[in-house]
């Protein structure tokens, strides 16, 4: 089972989006760096239309390969990219809408990827969500057996 802290200062966090999430991704990169993390931006770098599964899969692969310890995935709704990430073994992407659900998915689900909807989450709300997600520990205990069942 993973440790209680998802990442530590100096660890790498991957971030990826689709075209709808480019602006929110850019806004969150400096916040992640400000929290002490190295940021691996997997794109895209422009708002030209792209397919969210490609970027969700790239983010998941970066964690599987050990290039990043955790991730932030963004698309218009957050739904599609979270589905793409969750198709990979050992990845637990959670679409959250506020700091409270960000804390709960870390505490109870040991989520290692935060998914956000760029069309439904303001940059200020997203910054609070990112902080809550990465500062919250997994509680373990009774939650460990449940997370193990997720695969």
Protein backbone atom coordinates (compact mmCIF):
# COMPACT_ATOMS: atom_id res chain seq x y z
CA UNK A 1 0.00 0.00 0.00
CA UNK A 2 1.22 3.51 -0.64
CA UNK A 3 2.51 5.78 2.04
CA UNK A 4 0.21 8.26 3.75
CA UNK A 5 1.77 11.29 2.04
CA UNK A 6 1.18 11.22 -1.69
CA UNK A 7 4.09 13.47 -2.57
CA UNK A 8 6.77 15.43 -0.80
CA UNK A 9 8.49 18.69 -1.75
CA UNK A 10 10.90 17.96 -4.57
CA UNK A 11 8.75 15.13 -5.97
CA UNK A 12 7.40 15.39 -9.51
CA UNK A 13 3.71 15.93 -10.21
CA UNK A 14 2.53 15.38 -13.80
CA UNK A 15 -0.13 17.68 -15.20
CA UNK A 16 -2.06 17.23 -18.44
CA UNK A 17 -5.23 18.52 -20.03
CA UNK A 18 -7.14 18.70 -23.24
CA UNK A 19 -7.67 21.92 -25.18
CA UNK A 20 -10.45 23.04 -22.81
CA UNK A 21 -8.12 22.77 -19.82
CA UNK A 22 -5.03 24.55 -21.16
CA UNK A 23 -5.68 27.81 -19.29
CA UNK A 24 -6.51 26.12 -15.98
CA UNK A 25 -3.44 23.90 -16.36
CA UNK A 26 -1.25 26.97 -16.83
CA UNK A 27 -2.76 28.61 -13.75
CA UNK A 28 -2.11 25.55 -11.58
CA UNK A 29 1.49 24.90 -12.65
CA UNK A 30 2.87 27.81 -10.63
CA UNK A 31 0.82 26.82 -7.59
CA UNK A 32 2.23 23.29 -7.72
CA UNK A 33 5.74 24.70 -8.01
CA UNK A 34 4.96 27.04 -5.11
CA UNK A 35 4.06 24.01 -2.99
CA UNK A 36 7.56 22.68 -3.69
CA UNK A 37 6.84 20.14 -6.43
CA UNK A 38 8.58 19.69 -9.74
CA UNK A 39 5.98 19.91 -12.50
CA UNK A 40 6.00 17.67 -15.56
CA UNK A 41 3.71 19.35 -18.11
CA UNK A 42 2.51 16.72 -20.56
CA UNK A 43 0.57 19.18 -22.69
CA UNK A 44 -1.05 20.33 -24.71
CA UNK A 45 0.60 23.72 -24.95
CA UNK A 46 -2.08 25.36 -27.11
CA UNK A 47 -5.86 25.45 -27.22
CA UNK A 48 -5.94 23.63 -30.57
CA UNK A 49 -8.40 20.74 -30.43
CA UNK A 50 -6.97 17.47 -29.07
CA UNK A 51 -8.35 14.20 -27.71
CA UNK A 52 -8.42 13.99 -23.90
CA UNK A 53 -7.74 10.20 -23.79
CA UNK A 54 -4.30 10.76 -25.30
CA UNK A 55 -3.33 13.12 -22.50
CA UNK A 56 -4.98 11.06 -19.77
CA UNK A 57 -3.08 7.99 -20.91
CA UNK A 58 0.19 9.95 -21.07
CA UNK A 59 -0.34 11.18 -17.51
CA UNK A 60 -1.10 7.68 -16.25
CA UNK A 61 1.95 6.29 -18.03
CA UNK A 62 4.20 8.95 -16.48
CA UNK A 63 3.16 7.72 -13.02
CA UNK A 64 3.39 4.04 -13.96
CA UNK A 65 6.89 4.62 -15.36
CA UNK A 66 7.99 6.50 -12.22
CA UNK A 67 8.52 9.83 -13.96
CA UNK A 68 5.94 11.39 -11.61
CA UNK A 69 4.53 10.36 -8.23
CA UNK A 70 1.06 11.87 -8.75
CA UNK A 71 -0.91 13.87 -11.27
CA UNK A 72 -3.46 16.53 -12.10
CA UNK A 73 -5.72 15.79 -15.09
CA UNK A 74 -7.97 18.46 -16.60
CA UNK A 75 -10.54 18.45 -19.38
CA UNK A 76 -13.69 20.44 -19.99
CA UNK A 77 -15.80 18.45 -17.51
CA UNK A 78 -13.05 16.41 -15.84
CA UNK A 79 -15.05 13.28 -16.58
CA UNK A 80 -13.44 12.03 -19.78
CA UNK A 81 -9.84 12.48 -18.70
CA UNK A 82 -10.53 10.82 -15.34
CA UNK A 83 -11.99 7.81 -17.15
CA UNK A 84 -8.87 7.60 -19.33
CA UNK A 85 -6.56 7.70 -16.31
CA UNK A 86 -8.63 5.15 -14.37
CA UNK A 87 -8.23 2.56 -17.13
CA UNK A 88 -4.64 2.05 -15.91
CA UNK A 89 -3.82 -0.36 -13.08
CA UNK A 90 -2.77 1.33 -9.87
CA UNK A 91 -4.13 4.72 -10.89
CA UNK A 92 -6.96 6.26 -8.90
CA UNK A 93 -8.18 9.50 -10.47
CA UNK A 94 -10.89 11.36 -8.61
CA UNK A 95 -12.99 14.14 -10.11
CA UNK A 96 -13.59 16.64 -7.34
CA UNK A 97 -15.36 19.97 -7.17
CA UNK A 98 -14.21 21.52 -3.90
CA UNK A 99 -11.55 21.29 -1.20
CA UNK A 100 -13.70 19.00 0.96
CA UNK A 101 -14.06 16.31 -1.70
CA UNK A 102 -10.34 16.67 -2.49
CA UNK A 103 -9.53 15.91 1.16
CA UNK A 104 -11.95 13.00 1.30
CA UNK A 105 -10.59 11.31 -1.81
CA UNK A 106 -7.09 11.44 -0.34
CA UNK A 107 -8.20 10.33 3.14
CA UNK A 108 -10.50 7.51 2.05
CA UNK A 109 -9.53 6.54 -1.51
CA UNK A 110 -5.78 7.27 -1.59
CA UNK A 111 -6.35 8.93 -4.98
CA UNK A 112 -3.09 9.63 -6.80
CA UNK A 113 -4.55 11.74 -9.60
CA UNK A 114 -6.70 14.81 -9.13
CA UNK A 115 -9.19 15.39 -11.97
CA UNK A 116 -10.73 18.80 -12.56
CA UNK A 117 -13.34 20.21 -14.92
CA UNK A 118 -12.10 23.42 -16.50
CA UNK A 119 -15.60 24.53 -17.46
CA UNK A 120 -17.00 24.05 -13.94
CA UNK A 121 -14.07 24.99 -11.69
CA UNK A 122 -12.73 28.52 -11.35
CA UNK A 123 -8.97 29.00 -11.11
CA UNK A 124 -9.29 30.18 -7.49
CA UNK A 125 -11.38 27.16 -6.50
CA UNK A 126 -8.98 24.86 -8.35
CA UNK A 127 -6.00 26.30 -6.46
CA UNK A 128 -7.70 25.51 -3.14
CA UNK A 129 -8.54 22.01 -4.38
CA UNK A 130 -4.93 21.36 -5.41
CA UNK A 131 -3.63 22.51 -2.03
CA UNK A 132 -6.16 20.36 -0.13
CA UNK A 133 -5.46 17.31 -2.30
CA UNK A 134 -1.69 17.40 -1.96
CA UNK A 135 -1.61 18.37 1.72
CA UNK A 136 -4.00 15.61 2.86
CA UNK A 137 -2.75 12.22 4.01
CA UNK A 138 -4.33 8.85 3.31
CA UNK A 139 -5.88 7.62 6.57
CA UNK A 140 -5.16 3.94 5.94
CA UNK A 141 -6.84 1.64 8.45
CA UNK A 142 -10.23 0.38 7.28
CA UNK A 143 -9.78 2.32 4.03
CA UNK A 144 -6.71 0.27 3.06
CA UNK A 145 -8.63 -2.91 2.37
CA UNK A 146 -11.13 -1.00 0.27
CA UNK A 147 -8.42 0.67 -1.81
CA UNK A 148 -6.74 -2.73 -2.29
CA UNK A 149 -9.98 -4.01 -3.83
CA UNK A 150 -9.78 -1.27 -6.46
CA UNK A 151 -6.73 -2.97 -7.97
